[in-house]
């Protein structure tokens, strides 16, 4: 029998597994959290232009950018 917590974790993993690129994941979590690119930029320290390029797959995030986004829960 699955616990409620296990079901939630399983649903989250299924949700994430459908997002194949980092650009899709960044955009998905930004929208899921009700943020505009400007807001994400302010709280992460990554410029809005760079976030836009990440989301459109024009630019791959640097390790530093990934760390900044991870610190805010992305």
N, C-alpha and C. Protein backbone atom coordinates (compact mmCIF):
# COMPACT_ATOMS: atom_id res chain seq x y z
N UNK A 1 0.83 -1.18 0.00
CA UNK A 1 0.00 0.00 0.00
C UNK A 1 0.88 1.25 0.00
N UNK A 2 0.63 2.14 -0.93
CA UNK A 2 1.42 3.37 -1.05
C UNK A 2 0.93 4.41 -0.05
N UNK A 3 1.87 5.09 0.57
CA UNK A 3 1.50 6.18 1.47
C UNK A 3 1.21 7.43 0.65
N UNK A 4 0.55 8.36 1.25
CA UNK A 4 0.24 9.63 0.59
C UNK A 4 1.52 10.32 0.14
N UNK A 5 2.52 10.35 1.02
CA UNK A 5 3.80 10.99 0.70
C UNK A 5 4.46 10.33 -0.50
N UNK A 6 4.43 9.01 -0.56
CA UNK A 6 5.01 8.29 -1.68
C UNK A 6 4.30 8.63 -2.99
N UNK A 7 2.97 8.72 -2.94
CA UNK A 7 2.19 9.06 -4.14
C UNK A 7 2.56 10.45 -4.65
N UNK A 8 2.75 11.39 -3.74
CA UNK A 8 3.13 12.75 -4.14
C UNK A 8 4.50 12.72 -4.80
N UNK A 9 5.47 12.05 -4.18
CA UNK A 9 6.81 11.96 -4.75
C UNK A 9 6.78 11.29 -6.12
N UNK A 10 5.98 10.25 -6.24
CA UNK A 10 5.86 9.53 -7.51
C UNK A 10 5.26 10.45 -8.59
N UNK A 11 4.25 11.23 -8.24
CA UNK A 11 3.64 12.18 -9.18
C UNK A 11 4.63 13.25 -9.61
N UNK A 12 5.42 13.73 -8.68
CA UNK A 12 6.42 14.76 -9.00
C UNK A 12 7.45 14.19 -9.96
N UNK A 13 7.92 12.97 -9.69
CA UNK A 13 8.90 12.35 -10.59
C UNK A 13 8.33 12.13 -11.98
N UNK A 14 7.08 11.72 -12.07
CA UNK A 14 6.44 11.55 -13.38
C UNK A 14 6.33 12.88 -14.10
N UNK A 15 5.98 13.92 -13.37
CA UNK A 15 5.85 15.26 -13.94
C UNK A 15 7.19 15.73 -14.50
N UNK A 16 8.25 15.54 -13.75
CA UNK A 16 9.58 15.99 -14.16
C UNK A 16 10.09 15.17 -15.34
N UNK A 17 9.81 13.88 -15.37
CA UNK A 17 10.36 13.02 -16.41
C UNK A 17 9.86 13.38 -17.80
N UNK A 18 8.73 14.08 -17.89
CA UNK A 18 8.22 14.48 -19.21
C UNK A 18 8.93 15.72 -19.74
N UNK A 19 9.64 16.41 -18.87
CA UNK A 19 10.39 17.60 -19.28
C UNK A 19 11.80 17.17 -19.64
N UNK A 20 12.11 17.19 -20.92
CA UNK A 20 13.35 16.57 -21.37
C UNK A 20 14.55 17.51 -21.40
N UNK A 21 14.34 18.79 -21.51
CA UNK A 21 15.48 19.70 -21.57
C UNK A 21 15.46 20.65 -20.37
N UNK A 22 16.62 21.17 -20.06
CA UNK A 22 16.70 22.13 -18.95
C UNK A 22 15.88 23.37 -19.26
N UNK A 23 15.80 23.74 -20.54
CA UNK A 23 15.00 24.92 -20.90
C UNK A 23 13.53 24.69 -20.59
N UNK A 24 13.03 23.49 -20.87
CA UNK A 24 11.64 23.16 -20.55
C UNK A 24 11.41 23.18 -19.04
N UNK A 25 12.36 22.68 -18.30
CA UNK A 25 12.21 22.62 -16.83
C UNK A 25 12.21 24.02 -16.22
N UNK A 26 13.10 24.88 -16.68
CA UNK A 26 13.16 26.24 -16.14
C UNK A 26 11.84 26.96 -16.40
N UNK A 27 11.37 26.90 -17.63
CA UNK A 27 10.11 27.58 -17.97
C UNK A 27 8.94 26.98 -17.21
N UNK A 28 8.88 25.65 -17.13
CA UNK A 28 7.79 24.97 -16.44
C UNK A 28 7.71 25.42 -14.98
N UNK A 29 8.84 25.38 -14.27
CA UNK A 29 8.82 25.73 -12.85
C UNK A 29 8.57 27.21 -12.63
N UNK A 30 9.04 28.05 -13.54
CA UNK A 30 8.76 29.48 -13.42
C UNK A 30 7.26 29.72 -13.52
N UNK A 31 6.64 29.14 -14.54
CA UNK A 31 5.19 29.33 -14.74
C UNK A 31 4.41 28.65 -13.61
N UNK A 32 4.83 27.46 -13.21
CA UNK A 32 4.14 26.74 -12.13
C UNK A 32 4.13 27.56 -10.85
N UNK A 33 5.20 28.33 -10.62
CA UNK A 33 5.29 29.16 -9.43
C UNK A 33 4.72 30.55 -9.63
N UNK A 34 4.06 30.77 -10.78
CA UNK A 34 3.38 32.04 -11.04
C UNK A 34 4.31 33.22 -11.21
N UNK A 35 5.48 32.98 -11.78
CA UNK A 35 6.47 34.05 -11.93
C UNK A 35 6.61 34.51 -13.37
N UNK A 36 6.90 35.78 -13.51
CA UNK A 36 7.35 36.31 -14.78
C UNK A 36 8.87 36.19 -14.81
N UNK A 37 9.45 36.30 -15.99
CA UNK A 37 10.91 36.21 -16.09
C UNK A 37 11.58 37.29 -15.24
N UNK A 38 10.99 38.48 -15.18
CA UNK A 38 11.56 39.57 -14.39
C UNK A 38 11.65 39.20 -12.91
N UNK A 39 10.60 38.58 -12.40
CA UNK A 39 10.60 38.19 -10.98
C UNK A 39 11.64 37.12 -10.72
N UNK A 40 11.70 36.11 -11.58
CA UNK A 40 12.71 35.07 -11.43
C UNK A 40 14.11 35.67 -11.48
N UNK A 41 14.29 36.63 -12.35
CA UNK A 41 15.58 37.31 -12.47
C UNK A 41 15.97 37.99 -11.16
N UNK A 42 15.03 38.71 -10.57
CA UNK A 42 15.32 39.44 -9.33
C UNK A 42 15.67 38.51 -8.18
N UNK A 43 14.95 37.41 -8.06
CA UNK A 43 15.22 36.55 -6.90
C UNK A 43 16.38 35.58 -7.12
N UNK A 44 16.74 35.34 -8.38
CA UNK A 44 17.83 34.38 -8.64
C UNK A 44 19.17 35.06 -8.91
N UNK A 45 19.12 36.32 -9.35
CA UNK A 45 20.36 37.00 -9.70
C UNK A 45 20.83 36.69 -11.11
N UNK A 46 19.98 36.03 -11.91
CA UNK A 46 20.27 35.74 -13.32
C UNK A 46 19.46 36.73 -14.14
N UNK A 47 20.07 37.40 -15.10
CA UNK A 47 19.36 38.44 -15.84
C UNK A 47 18.16 37.90 -16.61
N UNK A 48 17.16 38.75 -16.82
CA UNK A 48 15.95 38.35 -17.53
C UNK A 48 16.27 37.91 -18.95
N UNK A 49 17.19 38.60 -19.61
CA UNK A 49 17.58 38.22 -20.97
C UNK A 49 18.19 36.82 -21.01
N UNK A 50 18.99 36.51 -20.02
CA UNK A 50 19.61 35.19 -19.96
C UNK A 50 18.56 34.11 -19.67
N UNK A 51 17.63 34.40 -18.76
CA UNK A 51 16.55 33.45 -18.48
C UNK A 51 15.74 33.19 -19.74
N UNK A 52 15.46 34.25 -20.49
CA UNK A 52 14.73 34.10 -21.75
C UNK A 52 15.49 33.19 -22.71
N UNK A 53 16.79 33.37 -22.79
CA UNK A 53 17.60 32.54 -23.69
C UNK A 53 17.67 31.10 -23.20
N UNK A 54 17.67 30.90 -21.88
CA UNK A 54 17.62 29.54 -21.34
C UNK A 54 16.32 28.86 -21.78
N UNK A 55 15.21 29.59 -21.60
CA UNK A 55 13.89 29.01 -21.87
C UNK A 55 13.66 28.71 -23.34
N UNK A 56 14.30 29.46 -24.22
CA UNK A 56 14.13 29.22 -25.66
C UNK A 56 15.25 28.35 -26.22
N UNK A 57 16.10 27.86 -25.33
CA UNK A 57 17.20 26.97 -25.70
C UNK A 57 18.23 27.64 -26.61
N UNK A 58 18.32 28.96 -26.52
CA UNK A 58 19.34 29.69 -27.28
C UNK A 58 20.68 29.67 -26.55
N UNK A 59 20.62 29.39 -25.25
CA UNK A 59 21.81 29.42 -24.41
C UNK A 59 21.66 28.34 -23.35
N UNK A 60 22.73 27.60 -23.12
CA UNK A 60 22.72 26.61 -22.05
C UNK A 60 23.16 27.26 -20.76
N UNK A 61 22.49 26.95 -19.65
CA UNK A 61 22.87 27.56 -18.37
C UNK A 61 24.26 27.14 -17.94
N UNK A 62 24.96 28.06 -17.34
CA UNK A 62 26.25 27.75 -16.74
C UNK A 62 26.00 27.04 -15.41
N UNK A 63 27.01 26.43 -14.88
CA UNK A 63 26.89 25.77 -13.58
C UNK A 63 26.48 26.80 -12.53
N UNK A 64 27.04 27.99 -12.59
CA UNK A 64 26.69 29.04 -11.63
C UNK A 64 25.21 29.40 -11.72
N UNK A 65 24.69 29.52 -12.93
CA UNK A 65 23.27 29.83 -13.11
C UNK A 65 22.39 28.71 -12.57
N UNK A 66 22.79 27.48 -12.81
CA UNK A 66 22.02 26.33 -12.30
C UNK A 66 22.01 26.35 -10.78
N UNK A 67 23.13 26.67 -10.17
CA UNK A 67 23.21 26.74 -8.71
C UNK A 67 22.30 27.85 -8.19
N UNK A 68 22.32 29.01 -8.84
CA UNK A 68 21.46 30.12 -8.42
C UNK A 68 19.98 29.73 -8.49
N UNK A 69 19.60 29.07 -9.56
CA UNK A 69 18.20 28.64 -9.71
C UNK A 69 17.85 27.55 -8.71
N UNK A 70 18.78 26.66 -8.44
CA UNK A 70 18.55 25.58 -7.48
C UNK A 70 18.34 26.13 -6.08
N UNK A 71 19.04 27.21 -5.74
CA UNK A 71 18.92 27.79 -4.40
C UNK A 71 17.52 28.33 -4.13
N UNK A 72 16.80 28.67 -5.18
CA UNK A 72 15.44 29.18 -4.96
C UNK A 72 14.40 28.09 -5.21
N UNK A 73 14.84 26.87 -5.42
CA UNK A 73 13.92 25.75 -5.53
C UNK A 73 13.58 25.30 -6.93
N UNK A 74 14.34 25.70 -7.92
CA UNK A 74 14.08 25.26 -9.29
C UNK A 74 14.87 24.03 -9.61
